[in-house]
Amino acid sequence: YIVCGFGRVGRGAAEELRRAGVPFLVMDSNPERVERAQRAGMLAIHADATRDESLREAGIERARGLVATLASD
């Protein structure tokens, strides 16, 4: 799974995935949020999830799902 955005809703989604033991990647364009996810032990990258290229680089073709928690699609 890819969690796009690590704001309030994204953090909640990531925590649920972690509790379920599901592998996931957090993607956020805010470096402070990426650092926060990484400090929490999550795999996270600094990237713009609104760009197709970023999603491809993150492995969207292999992902089982995508959680979009962005202010804009």
C-alpha atoms as a PDB file:
ATOM      1  CA  TYR A   1       0.000   0.000   0.000  1.00  0.00           C
ATOM      2  CA  ILE A   2       0.994   3.602  -0.525  1.00  0.00           C
ATOM      3  CA  VAL A   3      -0.261   6.252   1.873  1.00  0.00           C
ATOM      4  CA  CYS A   4      -0.227   9.606   0.107  1.00  0.00           C
ATOM      5  CA  GLY A   5      -0.003  12.340   2.705  1.00  0.00           C
ATOM      6  CA  PHE A   6       0.985  12.093   6.352  1.00  0.00           C
ATOM      7  CA  GLY A   7      -1.262  14.693   7.892  1.00  0.00           C
ATOM      8  CA  ARG A   8      -3.874  13.835  10.520  1.00  0.00           C
ATOM      9  CA  VAL A   9      -5.831  11.418   8.295  1.00  0.00           C
ATOM     10  CA  GLY A  10      -2.738   9.894   6.720  1.00  0.00           C
ATOM     11  CA  ARG A  11      -1.189   9.241  10.131  1.00  0.00           C
ATOM     12  CA  GLY A  12      -4.350   7.446  11.196  1.00  0.00           C
ATOM     13  CA  ALA A  13      -4.399   5.332   8.042  1.00  0.00           C
ATOM     14  CA  ALA A  14      -0.716   4.463   8.423  1.00  0.00           C
ATOM     15  CA  GLU A  15      -1.237   3.439  12.052  1.00  0.00           C
ATOM     16  CA  GLU A  16      -4.131   1.174  11.053  1.00  0.00           C
ATOM     17  CA  LEU A  17      -2.015  -0.471   8.356  1.00  0.00           C
ATOM     18  CA  ARG A  18       0.834  -0.935  10.822  1.00  0.00           C
ATOM     19  CA  ARG A  19      -1.487  -2.510  13.418  1.00  0.00           C
ATOM     20  CA  ALA A  20      -2.783  -4.873  10.737  1.00  0.00           C
ATOM     21  CA  GLY A  21       0.777  -5.888   9.841  1.00  0.00           C
ATOM     22  CA  VAL A  22       0.365  -4.702   6.265  1.00  0.00           C
ATOM     23  CA  PRO A  23       3.467  -3.412   4.449  1.00  0.00           C
ATOM     24  CA  PHE A  24       3.107   0.181   3.277  1.00  0.00           C
ATOM     25  CA  LEU A  25       5.002   3.259   2.170  1.00  0.00           C
ATOM     26  CA  VAL A  26       4.236   6.816   3.252  1.00  0.00           C
ATOM     27  CA  MET A  27       4.731   9.510   0.626  1.00  0.00           C
ATOM     28  CA  ASP A  28       4.558  13.203   1.486  1.00  0.00           C
ATOM     29  CA  SER A  29       5.860  16.408  -0.086  1.00  0.00           C
ATOM     30  CA  ASN A  30       6.572  17.907   3.348  1.00  0.00           C
ATOM     31  CA  PRO A  31      10.025  16.835   4.581  1.00  0.00           C
ATOM     32  CA  GLU A  32       9.024  17.353   8.226  1.00  0.00           C
ATOM     33  CA  ARG A  33       6.132  14.914   7.862  1.00  0.00           C
ATOM     34  CA  VAL A  34       8.396  12.390   6.140  1.00  0.00           C
ATOM     35  CA  GLU A  35      10.839  12.684   9.026  1.00  0.00           C
ATOM     36  CA  ARG A  36       7.996  12.232  11.513  1.00  0.00           C
ATOM     37  CA  ALA A  37       6.911   9.011   9.779  1.00  0.00           C
ATOM     38  CA  GLN A  38      10.482   7.749   9.676  1.00  0.00           C
ATOM     39  CA  ARG A  39      10.988   8.490  13.388  1.00  0.00           C
ATOM     40  CA  ALA A  40       7.857   6.412  14.006  1.00  0.00           C
ATOM     41  CA  GLY A  41       9.596   3.511  12.242  1.00  0.00           C
ATOM     42  CA  MET A  42       7.687   3.757   8.979  1.00  0.00           C
ATOM     43  CA  LEU A  43       9.079   3.550   5.480  1.00  0.00           C
ATOM     44  CA  ALA A  44       8.575   7.060   4.091  1.00  0.00           C
ATOM     45  CA  ILE A  45       9.800   9.099   1.157  1.00  0.00           C
ATOM     46  CA  HIS A  46       9.764  12.777   0.282  1.00  0.00           C
ATOM     47  CA  ALA A  47       7.871  13.001  -3.009  1.00  0.00           C
ATOM     48  CA  ASP A  48       4.890  14.678  -4.653  1.00  0.00           C
ATOM     49  CA  ALA A  49       2.093  12.092  -4.749  1.00  0.00           C
ATOM     50  CA  THR A  50       0.127  14.176  -7.255  1.00  0.00           C
ATOM     51  CA  ARG A  51       2.741  13.359  -9.907  1.00  0.00           C
ATOM     52  CA  ASP A  52       2.392  10.097 -11.833  1.00  0.00           C
ATOM     53  CA  GLU A  53       6.179   9.808 -12.024  1.00  0.00           C
ATOM     54  CA  SER A  54       6.483   9.886  -8.228  1.00  0.00           C
ATOM     55  CA  LEU A  55       3.857   7.168  -7.877  1.00  0.00           C
ATOM     56  CA  ARG A  56       5.618   4.995 -10.441  1.00  0.00           C
ATOM     57  CA  GLU A  57       8.941   5.466  -8.644  1.00  0.00           C
ATOM     58  CA  ALA A  58       7.241   4.463  -5.376  1.00  0.00           C
ATOM     59  CA  GLY A  59       6.073   1.223  -7.000  1.00  0.00           C
ATOM     60  CA  ILE A  60       2.385   1.915  -7.660  1.00  0.00           C
ATOM     61  CA  GLU A  61       2.350  -0.961 -10.171  1.00  0.00           C
ATOM     62  CA  ARG A  62       3.105  -3.400  -7.330  1.00  0.00           C
ATOM     63  CA  ALA A  63       0.963  -1.748  -4.662  1.00  0.00           C
ATOM     64  CA  ARG A  64      -2.158  -3.535  -3.444  1.00  0.00           C
ATOM     65  CA  GLY A  65      -3.849  -0.202  -2.851  1.00  0.00           C
ATOM     66  CA  LEU A  66      -3.479   3.521  -2.417  1.00  0.00           C
ATOM     67  CA  VAL A  67      -4.722   5.711   0.412  1.00  0.00           C
ATOM     68  CA  ALA A  68      -5.115   9.304  -0.811  1.00  0.00           C
ATOM     69  CA  THR A  69      -5.194  11.763   2.080  1.00  0.00           C
ATOM     70  CA  LEU A  70      -4.146  14.836   0.161  1.00  0.00           C
ATOM     71  CA  ALA A  71      -5.829  18.231   0.113  1.00  0.00           C
ATOM     72  CA  SER A  72      -5.932  17.995  -3.690  1.00  0.00           C
ATOM     73  CA  ASP A  73      -6.163  15.121  -6.150  1.00  0.00           C
END
